[in-house]
Amino acid sequence: MIKKISFFISKTIIFFDNIFFKFTKKRFRYYLQDALRLTSYSRCLFEYKEYKFFNPSNLTYWRSKTFLEKEPGTLRWIKNFNSLNSIFWDIGANVGLYTIFAVKNNPGIQVVSFEPSGLNLGLLEKNIYINNVQKNVKIFPIGLTNKSNSFLDMFESSEEEGGALGSLGVETGFDGKKIKTINKYKIFSTSINQLIKDKILEVPNYVKIDVDGLEHLILEEADEILNSDKLQEILIEINENYDTQFKKIIKVMEYNKFKIYEKHSSVYAQNSAFDKSYNYIFKKEI
């Protein structure tokens, strides 16, 4: 009902905007959008810490409204980091919810936020700044894959800020099936191994990989960190129904002496296409 009312109001605004433009050659709809953006913020509190997010879309508003309850296992994992002089890689940072949570709950930690989507990068940057965590975060605005230093096609299935379910280099999604592409462009991409070999980044202590179906490809060229004793724990989103991905990830992690510590799912995953998607937490065996 709300969606229908909003659609009607927007059509009405466009109608009068066209009349206004006919006489003034200016668009008041853009002034209206600018005014609305000034109030498009949300705040939430968690253990006496305030989080602030910019929400230019329904999806970003939903993400900010639910992030404290959506994946409690992920938050608990991040809170338990040994944060003194630690490095955390947030691969698939989206608009920065977990990047910001990591800094606010782990003083001294350094975060590298990987996010290739042009739709999300601006929000990632803004959310980092308005939460005053920019000193602890480096943004890495390129894609990770199993190929080094290549321009690959970025496929996006949403034009809404905060969107996920895109893909890089292959036109398949979180379930291994072809995604519905509504936006496509080429971006520079590389592998984890290349980043470490070129000394662009240091080996992290903690890694989160949530890239909706490309996790196994990223891990194919991640030996430089998986073999290192510096890497203590890694959280990987795995769709157990995507059999090829599931088997490859488990094989790679076992080969590199990582043991499954726990797995958890989103509280919103039940009775959805994501009901077999879990966040697996692996710990390095000593």
C-alpha atoms as a PDB file:
ATOM      1  CA  MET A   1       0.000   0.000   0.000  1.00  0.00           C
ATOM      2  CA  ILE A   2       2.790   2.416   0.958  1.00  0.00           C
ATOM      3  CA  LYS A   3       4.586   1.601  -2.283  1.00  0.00           C
ATOM      4  CA  LYS A   4       1.464   2.406  -4.327  1.00  0.00           C
ATOM      5  CA  ILE A   5       0.927   5.696  -2.494  1.00  0.00           C
ATOM      6  CA  SER A   6       4.584   6.644  -2.997  1.00  0.00           C
ATOM      7  CA  PHE A   7       4.336   5.808  -6.692  1.00  0.00           C
ATOM      8  CA  PHE A   8       1.241   8.011  -7.048  1.00  0.00           C
ATOM      9  CA  ILE A   9       2.888  10.917  -5.237  1.00  0.00           C
ATOM     10  CA  SER A  10       6.042  10.628  -7.355  1.00  0.00           C
ATOM     11  CA  LYS A  11       3.976  10.652 -10.556  1.00  0.00           C
ATOM     12  CA  THR A  12       2.196  13.756  -9.338  1.00  0.00           C
ATOM     13  CA  ILE A  13       5.510  15.471  -8.551  1.00  0.00           C
ATOM     14  CA  ILE A  14       6.869  14.575 -11.994  1.00  0.00           C
ATOM     15  CA  PHE A  15       3.726  15.942 -13.667  1.00  0.00           C
ATOM     16  CA  PHE A  16       4.002  19.329 -11.944  1.00  0.00           C
ATOM     17  CA  ASP A  17       7.764  19.331 -12.375  1.00  0.00           C
ATOM     18  CA  ASN A  18       7.324  19.035 -16.141  1.00  0.00           C
ATOM     19  CA  ILE A  19       4.956  22.008 -16.114  1.00  0.00           C
ATOM     20  CA  PHE A  20       7.407  23.971 -13.948  1.00  0.00           C
ATOM     21  CA  PHE A  21      10.254  23.125 -16.344  1.00  0.00           C
ATOM     22  CA  LYS A  22       8.240  24.280 -19.339  1.00  0.00           C
ATOM     23  CA  PHE A  23       8.074  27.817 -17.941  1.00  0.00           C
ATOM     24  CA  THR A  24      11.335  28.094 -15.957  1.00  0.00           C
ATOM     25  CA  LYS A  25      13.694  25.571 -17.609  1.00  0.00           C
ATOM     26  CA  LYS A  26      14.546  24.314 -14.115  1.00  0.00           C
ATOM     27  CA  ARG A  27      13.734  21.069 -12.314  1.00  0.00           C
ATOM     28  CA  PHE A  28      12.432  21.471  -8.782  1.00  0.00           C
ATOM     29  CA  ARG A  29      12.458  17.690  -8.312  1.00  0.00           C
ATOM     30  CA  TYR A  30      16.244  17.837  -7.858  1.00  0.00           C
ATOM     31  CA  TYR A  31      15.918  20.506  -5.172  1.00  0.00           C
ATOM     32  CA  LEU A  32      13.363  18.253  -3.499  1.00  0.00           C
ATOM     33  CA  GLN A  33      15.754  15.297  -3.676  1.00  0.00           C
ATOM     34  CA  ASP A  34      18.530  17.387  -2.133  1.00  0.00           C
ATOM     35  CA  ALA A  35      16.237  18.476   0.684  1.00  0.00           C
ATOM     36  CA  LEU A  36      15.167  14.893   1.378  1.00  0.00           C
ATOM     37  CA  ARG A  37      18.780  13.711   1.468  1.00  0.00           C
ATOM     38  CA  LEU A  38      19.460  16.101   4.361  1.00  0.00           C
ATOM     39  CA  THR A  39      17.077  14.070   6.518  1.00  0.00           C
ATOM     40  CA  SER A  40      17.966  10.611   5.163  1.00  0.00           C
ATOM     41  CA  TYR A  41      20.005   9.478   8.150  1.00  0.00           C
ATOM     42  CA  SER A  42      19.373   6.850  10.786  1.00  0.00           C
ATOM     43  CA  ARG A  43      20.979   6.268  14.174  1.00  0.00           C
ATOM     44  CA  CYS A  44      21.142   3.248  16.441  1.00  0.00           C
ATOM     45  CA  LEU A  45      22.791   2.401  19.743  1.00  0.00           C
ATOM     46  CA  PHE A  46      24.603  -0.771  20.712  1.00  0.00           C
ATOM     47  CA  GLU A  47      26.289  -1.113  24.096  1.00  0.00           C
ATOM     48  CA  TYR A  48      26.490   2.678  24.493  1.00  0.00           C
ATOM     49  CA  LYS A  49      28.039   3.154  21.047  1.00  0.00           C
ATOM     50  CA  GLU A  50      26.212   5.200  18.441  1.00  0.00           C
ATOM     51  CA  TYR A  51      26.106   4.266  14.769  1.00  0.00           C
ATOM     52  CA  LYS A  52      24.986   6.677  12.092  1.00  0.00           C
ATOM     53  CA  PHE A  53      24.165   5.768   8.492  1.00  0.00           C
ATOM     54  CA  PHE A  54      23.148   7.640   5.375  1.00  0.00           C
ATOM     55  CA  ASN A  55      20.102   6.056   3.724  1.00  0.00           C
ATOM     56  CA  PRO A  56      19.232   7.309   0.224  1.00  0.00           C
ATOM     57  CA  SER A  57      17.172   4.183  -0.558  1.00  0.00           C
ATOM     58  CA  ASN A  58      14.786   1.711   1.018  1.00  0.00           C
ATOM     59  CA  LEU A  59      17.463  -0.980   0.924  1.00  0.00           C
ATOM     60  CA  THR A  60      20.088   1.093   2.716  1.00  0.00           C
ATOM     61  CA  TYR A  61      17.496   2.055   5.332  1.00  0.00           C
ATOM     62  CA  TRP A  62      16.644  -1.625   5.861  1.00  0.00           C
ATOM     63  CA  ARG A  63      20.325  -2.524   6.157  1.00  0.00           C
ATOM     64  CA  SER A  64      20.996   0.121   8.781  1.00  0.00           C
ATOM     65  CA  LYS A  65      17.783  -0.646  10.676  1.00  0.00           C
ATOM     66  CA  THR A  66      18.452  -4.391  10.907  1.00  0.00           C
ATOM     67  CA  PHE A  67      22.233  -4.730  11.047  1.00  0.00           C
ATOM     68  CA  LEU A  68      22.361  -5.173  14.828  1.00  0.00           C
ATOM     69  CA  GLU A  69      19.935  -8.107  14.655  1.00  0.00           C
ATOM     70  CA  LYS A  70      20.433  -9.583  11.168  1.00  0.00           C
ATOM     71  CA  GLU A  71      23.646 -11.540  11.841  1.00  0.00           C
ATOM     72  CA  PRO A  72      24.333 -11.607  15.598  1.00  0.00           C
ATOM     73  CA  GLY A  73      26.940 -14.322  15.065  1.00  0.00           C
ATOM     74  CA  THR A  74      28.981 -12.028  12.826  1.00  0.00           C
ATOM     75  CA  LEU A  75      28.835  -9.199  15.374  1.00  0.00           C
ATOM     76  CA  ARG A  76      29.863 -11.547  18.171  1.00  0.00           C
ATOM     77  CA  TRP A  77      32.783 -12.801  16.078  1.00  0.00           C
ATOM     78  CA  ILE A  78      33.995  -9.257  15.338  1.00  0.00           C
ATOM     79  CA  LYS A  79      33.657  -8.188  18.977  1.00  0.00           C
ATOM     80  CA  ASN A  80      35.937 -11.029  20.065  1.00  0.00           C
ATOM     81  CA  PHE A  81      38.862  -9.975  17.870  1.00  0.00           C
ATOM     82  CA  ASN A  82      42.199  -9.577  19.596  1.00  0.00           C
ATOM     83  CA  SER A  83      42.272  -6.050  18.240  1.00  0.00           C
ATOM     84  CA  LEU A  84      45.629  -4.733  19.435  1.00  0.00           C
ATOM     85  CA  ASN A  85      47.551  -3.918  16.239  1.00  0.00           C
ATOM     86  CA  SER A  86      45.327  -6.319  14.278  1.00  0.00           C
ATOM     87  CA  ILE A  87      44.302  -6.052  10.631  1.00  0.00           C
ATOM     88  CA  PHE A  88      40.791  -6.962   9.460  1.00  0.00           C
ATOM     89  CA  TRP A  89      39.839  -7.362   5.806  1.00  0.00           C
ATOM     90  CA  ASP A  90      36.155  -6.760   5.099  1.00  0.00           C
ATOM     91  CA  ILE A  91      35.787  -8.279   1.614  1.00  0.00           C
ATOM     92  CA  GLY A  92      32.377  -7.304   0.282  1.00  0.00           C
ATOM     93  CA  ALA A  93      31.995  -4.317   2.597  1.00  0.00           C
ATOM     94  CA  ASN A  94      28.859  -2.983   0.857  1.00  0.00           C
ATOM     95  CA  VAL A  95      28.002   0.304   2.658  1.00  0.00           C
ATOM     96  CA  GLY A  96      30.336  -0.341   5.593  1.00  0.00           C
ATOM     97  CA  LEU A  97      28.190  -1.684   8.423  1.00  0.00           C
ATOM     98  CA  TYR A  98      30.663  -4.313   9.633  1.00  0.00           C
ATOM     99  CA  THR A  99      33.690  -2.160   8.867  1.00  0.00           C
ATOM    100  CA  ILE A 100      32.349   0.520  11.193  1.00  0.00           C
ATOM    101  CA  PHE A 101      31.273  -1.993  13.830  1.00  0.00           C
ATOM    102  CA  ALA A 102      34.767  -3.511  13.833  1.00  0.00           C
ATOM    103  CA  VAL A 103      36.465  -0.183  14.513  1.00  0.00           C
ATOM    104  CA  LYS A 104      34.030   0.965  17.187  1.00  0.00           C
ATOM    105  CA  ASN A 105      34.333  -2.305  19.075  1.00  0.00           C
ATOM    106  CA  ASN A 106      38.064  -2.898  18.610  1.00  0.00           C
ATOM    107  CA  PRO A 107      40.184   0.172  19.395  1.00  0.00           C
ATOM    108  CA  GLY A 108      43.460   0.083  17.508  1.00  0.00           C
ATOM    109  CA  ILE A 109      42.319  -2.271  14.759  1.00  0.00           C
ATOM    110  CA  GLN A 110      43.043  -1.401  11.127  1.00  0.00           C
ATOM    111  CA  VAL A 111      40.406  -2.311   8.521  1.00  0.00           C
ATOM    112  CA  VAL A 112      40.684  -2.706   4.771  1.00  0.00           C
ATOM    113  CA  SER A 113      37.243  -2.454   3.152  1.00  0.00           C
ATOM    114  CA  PHE A 114      36.966  -4.097  -0.255  1.00  0.00           C
ATOM    115  CA  GLU A 115      34.002  -2.890  -2.321  1.00  0.00           C
ATOM    116  CA  PRO A 116      33.984  -2.704  -6.144  1.00  0.00           C
ATOM    117  CA  SER A 117      30.383  -1.559  -6.708  1.00  0.00           C
ATOM    118  CA  GLY A 118      30.107   2.039  -7.838  1.00  0.00           C
ATOM    119  CA  LEU A 119      26.633   2.213  -6.312  1.00  0.00           C
ATOM    120  CA  ASN A 120      27.966   1.366  -2.858  1.00  0.00           C
ATOM    121  CA  LEU A 121      31.334   3.102  -2.781  1.00  0.00           C
ATOM    122  CA  GLY A 122      29.982   6.603  -2.184  1.00  0.00           C
ATOM    123  CA  LEU A 123      27.911   5.388   0.753  1.00  0.00           C
ATOM    124  CA  LEU A 124      30.807   3.388   2.164  1.00  0.00           C
ATOM    125  CA  GLU A 125      32.956   6.518   2.120  1.00  0.00           C
ATOM    126  CA  LYS A 126      30.234   8.686   3.669  1.00  0.00           C
ATOM    127  CA  ASN A 127      29.345   6.213   6.423  1.00  0.00           C
ATOM    128  CA  ILE A 128      32.994   5.830   7.388  1.00  0.00           C
ATOM    129  CA  TYR A 129      33.342   9.602   7.699  1.00  0.00           C
ATOM    130  CA  ILE A 130      30.142  10.334   9.628  1.00  0.00           C
ATOM    131  CA  ASN A 131      31.082   7.633  12.133  1.00  0.00           C
ATOM    132  CA  ASN A 132      34.556   9.182  12.514  1.00  0.00           C
ATOM    133  CA  VAL A 133      36.448   5.944  11.842  1.00  0.00           C
ATOM    134  CA  GLN A 134      38.365   7.134   8.762  1.00  0.00           C
ATOM    135  CA  LYS A 135      41.734   6.963  10.547  1.00  0.00           C
ATOM    136  CA  ASN A 136      41.311   3.206  10.972  1.00  0.00           C
ATOM    137  CA  VAL A 137      39.939   2.305   7.536  1.00  0.00           C
ATOM    138  CA  LYS A 138      41.443   1.960   4.084  1.00  0.00           C
ATOM    139  CA  ILE A 139      39.008   1.581   1.186  1.00  0.00           C
ATOM    140  CA  PHE A 140      40.027  -0.792  -1.577  1.00  0.00           C
ATOM    141  CA  PRO A 141      37.681   0.070  -4.483  1.00  0.00           C
ATOM    142  CA  ILE A 142      38.501  -2.814  -6.804  1.00  0.00           C
ATOM    143  CA  GLY A 143      37.284  -6.371  -7.141  1.00  0.00           C
ATOM    144  CA  LEU A 144      39.011  -9.523  -5.906  1.00  0.00           C
ATOM    145  CA  THR A 145      39.028 -12.689  -7.958  1.00  0.00           C
ATOM    146  CA  ASN A 146      41.324 -15.535  -9.052  1.00  0.00           C
ATOM    147  CA  LYS A 147      42.889 -13.451 -11.833  1.00  0.00           C
ATOM    148  CA  SER A 148      45.688 -10.934 -11.341  1.00  0.00           C
ATOM    149  CA  ASN A 149      45.589  -7.371 -12.633  1.00  0.00           C
ATOM    150  CA  SER A 150      42.741  -7.667 -15.133  1.00  0.00           C
ATOM    151  CA  PHE A 151      39.803  -5.601 -16.267  1.00  0.00           C
ATOM    152  CA  LEU A 152      36.730  -7.765 -15.756  1.00  0.00           C
ATOM    153  CA  ASP A 153      33.014  -7.282 -16.298  1.00  0.00           C
ATOM    154  CA  MET A 154      31.068  -6.240 -13.207  1.00  0.00           C
ATOM    155  CA  PHE A 155      27.493  -7.523 -13.359  1.00  0.00           C
ATOM    156  CA  GLU A 156      24.899  -5.893 -11.117  1.00  0.00           C
ATOM    157  CA  SER A 157      21.364  -7.106 -10.537  1.00  0.00           C
ATOM    158  CA  SER A 158      20.206  -3.941  -8.756  1.00  0.00           C
ATOM    159  CA  GLU A 159      20.357  -0.216  -9.382  1.00  0.00           C
ATOM    160  CA  GLU A 160      19.583   0.596  -5.765  1.00  0.00           C
ATOM    161  CA  GLU A 161      22.264   1.808  -3.369  1.00  0.00           C
ATOM    162  CA  GLY A 162      23.162  -0.865  -0.858  1.00  0.00           C
ATOM    163  CA  GLY A 163      22.493  -3.586  -3.392  1.00  0.00           C
ATOM    164  CA  ALA A 164      24.339  -6.872  -3.412  1.00  0.00           C
ATOM    165  CA  LEU A 165      23.919 -10.055  -5.484  1.00  0.00           C
ATOM    166  CA  GLY A 166      26.270  -8.790  -8.166  1.00  0.00           C
ATOM    167  CA  SER A 167      29.135 -10.688  -9.741  1.00  0.00           C
ATOM    168  CA  LEU A 168      32.612 -10.097 -11.113  1.00  0.00           C
ATOM    169  CA  GLY A 169      34.085 -11.830 -14.141  1.00  0.00           C
ATOM    170  CA  VAL A 170      31.344 -14.469 -14.272  1.00  0.00           C
ATOM    171  CA  GLU A 171      27.630 -13.859 -14.704  1.00  0.00           C
ATOM    172  CA  THR A 172      26.524 -16.157 -11.893  1.00  0.00           C
ATOM    173  CA  GLY A 173      25.207 -15.343  -8.458  1.00  0.00           C
ATOM    174  CA  PHE A 174      25.171 -16.691  -4.913  1.00  0.00           C
ATOM    175  CA  ASP A 175      23.520 -19.935  -6.046  1.00  0.00           C
ATOM    176  CA  GLY A 176      25.726 -20.574  -9.072  1.00  0.00           C
ATOM    177  CA  LYS A 177      22.919 -19.663 -11.452  1.00  0.00           C
ATOM    178  CA  LYS A 178      22.924 -16.853 -13.994  1.00  0.00           C
ATOM    179  CA  ILE A 179      21.938 -13.529 -12.487  1.00  0.00           C
ATOM    180  CA  LYS A 180      19.576 -11.029 -14.038  1.00  0.00           C
ATOM    181  CA  THR A 181      21.948  -8.268 -15.139  1.00  0.00           C
ATOM    182  CA  ILE A 182      20.579  -4.720 -15.248  1.00  0.00           C
ATOM    183  CA  ASN A 183      23.931  -2.905 -15.059  1.00  0.00           C
ATOM    184  CA  LYS A 184      27.333  -3.857 -16.455  1.00  0.00           C
ATOM    185  CA  TYR A 185      30.748  -2.213 -16.633  1.00  0.00           C
ATOM    186  CA  LYS A 186      34.434  -3.154 -16.576  1.00  0.00           C
ATOM    187  CA  ILE A 187      36.538  -2.639 -13.452  1.00  0.00           C
ATOM    188  CA  PHE A 188      40.124  -3.372 -12.531  1.00  0.00           C
ATOM    189  CA  SER A 189      40.455  -6.537 -10.471  1.00  0.00           C
ATOM    190  CA  THR A 190      43.211  -8.612  -8.970  1.00  0.00           C
ATOM    191  CA  SER A 191      43.945 -11.509  -6.632  1.00  0.00           C
ATOM    192  CA  ILE A 192      44.896 -11.613  -2.968  1.00  0.00           C
ATOM    193  CA  ASN A 193      48.174 -13.301  -3.859  1.00  0.00           C
ATOM    194  CA  GLN A 194      49.096 -10.430  -6.149  1.00  0.00           C
ATOM    195  CA  LEU A 195      48.329  -7.829  -3.494  1.00  0.00           C
ATOM    196  CA  ILE A 196      50.629  -9.531  -1.000  1.00  0.00           C
ATOM    197  CA  LYS A 197      53.402 -10.272  -3.498  1.00  0.00           C
ATOM    198  CA  ASP A 198      53.400  -6.647  -4.639  1.00  0.00           C
ATOM    199  CA  LYS A 199      53.470  -5.517  -0.995  1.00  0.00           C
ATOM    200  CA  ILE A 200      50.394  -3.372  -1.484  1.00  0.00           C
ATOM    201  CA  LEU A 201      48.766  -4.781   1.657  1.00  0.00           C
ATOM    202  CA  GLU A 202      49.935  -6.676   4.718  1.00  0.00           C
ATOM    203  CA  VAL A 203      48.685 -10.126   5.643  1.00  0.00           C
ATOM    204  CA  PRO A 204      45.550  -9.678   7.780  1.00  0.00           C
ATOM    205  CA  ASN A 205      44.715 -11.337  11.087  1.00  0.00           C
ATOM    206  CA  TYR A 206      40.990 -11.605  10.378  1.00  0.00           C
ATOM    207  CA  VAL A 207      39.050 -11.794   7.114  1.00  0.00           C
ATOM    208  CA  LYS A 208      35.374 -11.685   6.207  1.00  0.00           C
ATOM    209  CA  ILE A 209      34.415 -12.769   2.672  1.00  0.00           C
ATOM    210  CA  ASP A 210      30.813 -12.128   1.647  1.00  0.00           C
ATOM    211  CA  VAL A 211      30.646 -11.617  -2.108  1.00  0.00           C
ATOM    212  CA  ASP A 212      27.532 -13.576  -3.100  1.00  0.00           C
ATOM    213  CA  GLY A 213      28.968 -16.524  -4.968  1.00  0.00           C
ATOM    214  CA  LEU A 214      32.587 -15.639  -5.748  1.00  0.00           C
ATOM    215  CA  GLU A 215      34.085 -16.706  -2.436  1.00  0.00           C
ATOM    216  CA  HIS A 216      35.668 -19.889  -3.825  1.00  0.00           C
ATOM    217  CA  LEU A 217      37.272 -18.003  -6.734  1.00  0.00           C
ATOM    218  CA  ILE A 218      38.873 -15.486  -4.382  1.00  0.00           C
ATOM    219  CA  LEU A 219      40.253 -18.305  -2.216  1.00  0.00           C
ATOM    220  CA  GLU A 220      41.811 -20.039  -5.238  1.00  0.00           C
ATOM    221  CA  GLU A 221      44.449 -17.296  -5.306  1.00  0.00           C
ATOM    222  CA  ALA A 222      44.799 -16.533  -1.605  1.00  0.00           C
ATOM    223  CA  ASP A 223      47.669 -18.837  -0.607  1.00  0.00           C
ATOM    224  CA  GLU A 224      49.796 -15.889   0.498  1.00  0.00           C
ATOM    225  CA  ILE A 225      47.480 -15.227   3.431  1.00  0.00           C
ATOM    226  CA  LEU A 226      46.070 -18.719   4.014  1.00  0.00           C
ATOM    227  CA  ASN A 227      49.576 -20.130   4.520  1.00  0.00           C
ATOM    228  CA  SER A 228      50.535 -17.374   6.941  1.00  0.00           C
ATOM    229  CA  ASP A 229      50.361 -17.845  10.693  1.00  0.00           C
ATOM    230  CA  LYS A 230      49.303 -14.207  10.942  1.00  0.00           C
ATOM    231  CA  LEU A 231      45.839 -15.079   9.642  1.00  0.00           C
ATOM    232  CA  GLN A 232      43.969 -16.390  12.668  1.00  0.00           C
ATOM    233  CA  GLU A 233      40.316 -16.554  11.656  1.00  0.00           C
ATOM    234  CA  ILE A 234      38.237 -16.178   8.518  1.00  0.00           C
ATOM    235  CA  LEU A 235      34.482 -15.875   8.069  1.00  0.00           C
ATOM    236  CA  ILE A 236      33.135 -17.021   4.694  1.00  0.00           C
ATOM    237  CA  GLU A 237      29.551 -16.938   3.495  1.00  0.00           C
ATOM    238  CA  ILE A 238      28.789 -20.293   1.875  1.00  0.00           C
ATOM    239  CA  ASN A 239      25.625 -21.422   0.126  1.00  0.00           C
ATOM    240  CA  GLU A 240      25.418 -25.144   0.879  1.00  0.00           C
ATOM    241  CA  ASN A 241      23.086 -25.588  -2.103  1.00  0.00           C
ATOM    242  CA  TYR A 242      25.853 -24.293  -4.390  1.00  0.00           C
ATOM    243  CA  ASP A 243      27.645 -27.622  -4.295  1.00  0.00           C
ATOM    244  CA  THR A 244      30.682 -26.692  -6.407  1.00  0.00           C
ATOM    245  CA  GLN A 245      31.419 -23.667  -4.257  1.00  0.00           C
ATOM    246  CA  PHE A 246      30.795 -25.500  -0.997  1.00  0.00           C
ATOM    247  CA  LYS A 247      33.172 -28.377  -1.764  1.00  0.00           C
ATOM    248  CA  LYS A 248      35.937 -26.127  -3.104  1.00  0.00           C
ATOM    249  CA  ILE A 249      35.912 -23.856  -0.069  1.00  0.00           C
ATOM    250  CA  ILE A 250      35.975 -26.708   2.448  1.00  0.00           C
ATOM    251  CA  LYS A 251      38.817 -28.371   0.519  1.00  0.00           C
ATOM    252  CA  VAL A 252      40.907 -25.182   0.383  1.00  0.00           C
ATOM    253  CA  MET A 253      40.388 -24.417   4.058  1.00  0.00           C
ATOM    254  CA  GLU A 254      41.214 -27.952   5.210  1.00  0.00           C
ATOM    255  CA  TYR A 255      44.336 -28.012   3.037  1.00  0.00           C
ATOM    256  CA  ASN A 256      45.516 -24.810   4.698  1.00  0.00           C
ATOM    257  CA  LYS A 257      44.877 -26.218   8.193  1.00  0.00           C
ATOM    258  CA  PHE A 258      41.750 -24.246   9.029  1.00  0.00           C
ATOM    259  CA  LYS A 259      39.081 -25.903  11.123  1.00  0.00           C
ATOM    260  CA  ILE A 260      35.376 -25.032  11.204  1.00  0.00           C
ATOM    261  CA  TYR A 261      34.690 -23.310  14.501  1.00  0.00           C
ATOM    262  CA  GLU A 262      31.011 -22.474  14.012  1.00  0.00           C
ATOM    263  CA  LYS A 263      28.441 -21.534  11.429  1.00  0.00           C
ATOM    264  CA  HIS A 264      25.443 -19.265  11.622  1.00  0.00           C
ATOM    265  CA  SER A 265      22.874 -17.770   9.294  1.00  0.00           C
ATOM    266  CA  SER A 266      20.956 -14.545   9.002  1.00  0.00           C
ATOM    267  CA  VAL A 267      17.778 -14.382  11.066  1.00  0.00           C
ATOM    268  CA  TYR A 268      16.030 -13.372   7.835  1.00  0.00           C
ATOM    269  CA  ALA A 269      17.296 -16.347   5.804  1.00  0.00           C
ATOM    270  CA  GLN A 270      14.606 -18.829   6.836  1.00  0.00           C
ATOM    271  CA  ASN A 271      11.990 -19.642   4.203  1.00  0.00           C
ATOM    272  CA  SER A 272      13.895 -17.703   1.570  1.00  0.00           C
ATOM    273  CA  ALA A 273      16.340 -18.393  -1.249  1.00  0.00           C
ATOM    274  CA  PHE A 274      19.109 -17.951   1.344  1.00  0.00           C
ATOM    275  CA  ASP A 275      17.937 -20.609   3.799  1.00  0.00           C
ATOM    276  CA  LYS A 276      21.038 -22.723   3.097  1.00  0.00           C
ATOM    277  CA  SER A 277      23.481 -19.812   3.168  1.00  0.00           C
ATOM    278  CA  TYR A 278      25.653 -19.752   6.267  1.00  0.00           C
ATOM    279  CA  ASN A 279      28.544 -17.751   7.624  1.00  0.00           C
ATOM    280  CA  TYR A 280      31.236 -20.328   8.330  1.00  0.00           C
ATOM    281  CA  ILE A 281      33.918 -19.256  10.797  1.00  0.00           C
ATOM    282  CA  PHE A 282      37.246 -21.039  10.356  1.00  0.00           C
ATOM    283  CA  LYS A 283      40.146 -20.944  12.825  1.00  0.00           C
ATOM    284  CA  LYS A 284      43.765 -21.783  12.097  1.00  0.00           C
ATOM    285  CA  GLU A 285      44.802 -25.042  13.712  1.00  0.00           C
ATOM    286  CA  ILE A 286      47.924 -24.751  15.856  1.00  0.00           C
END
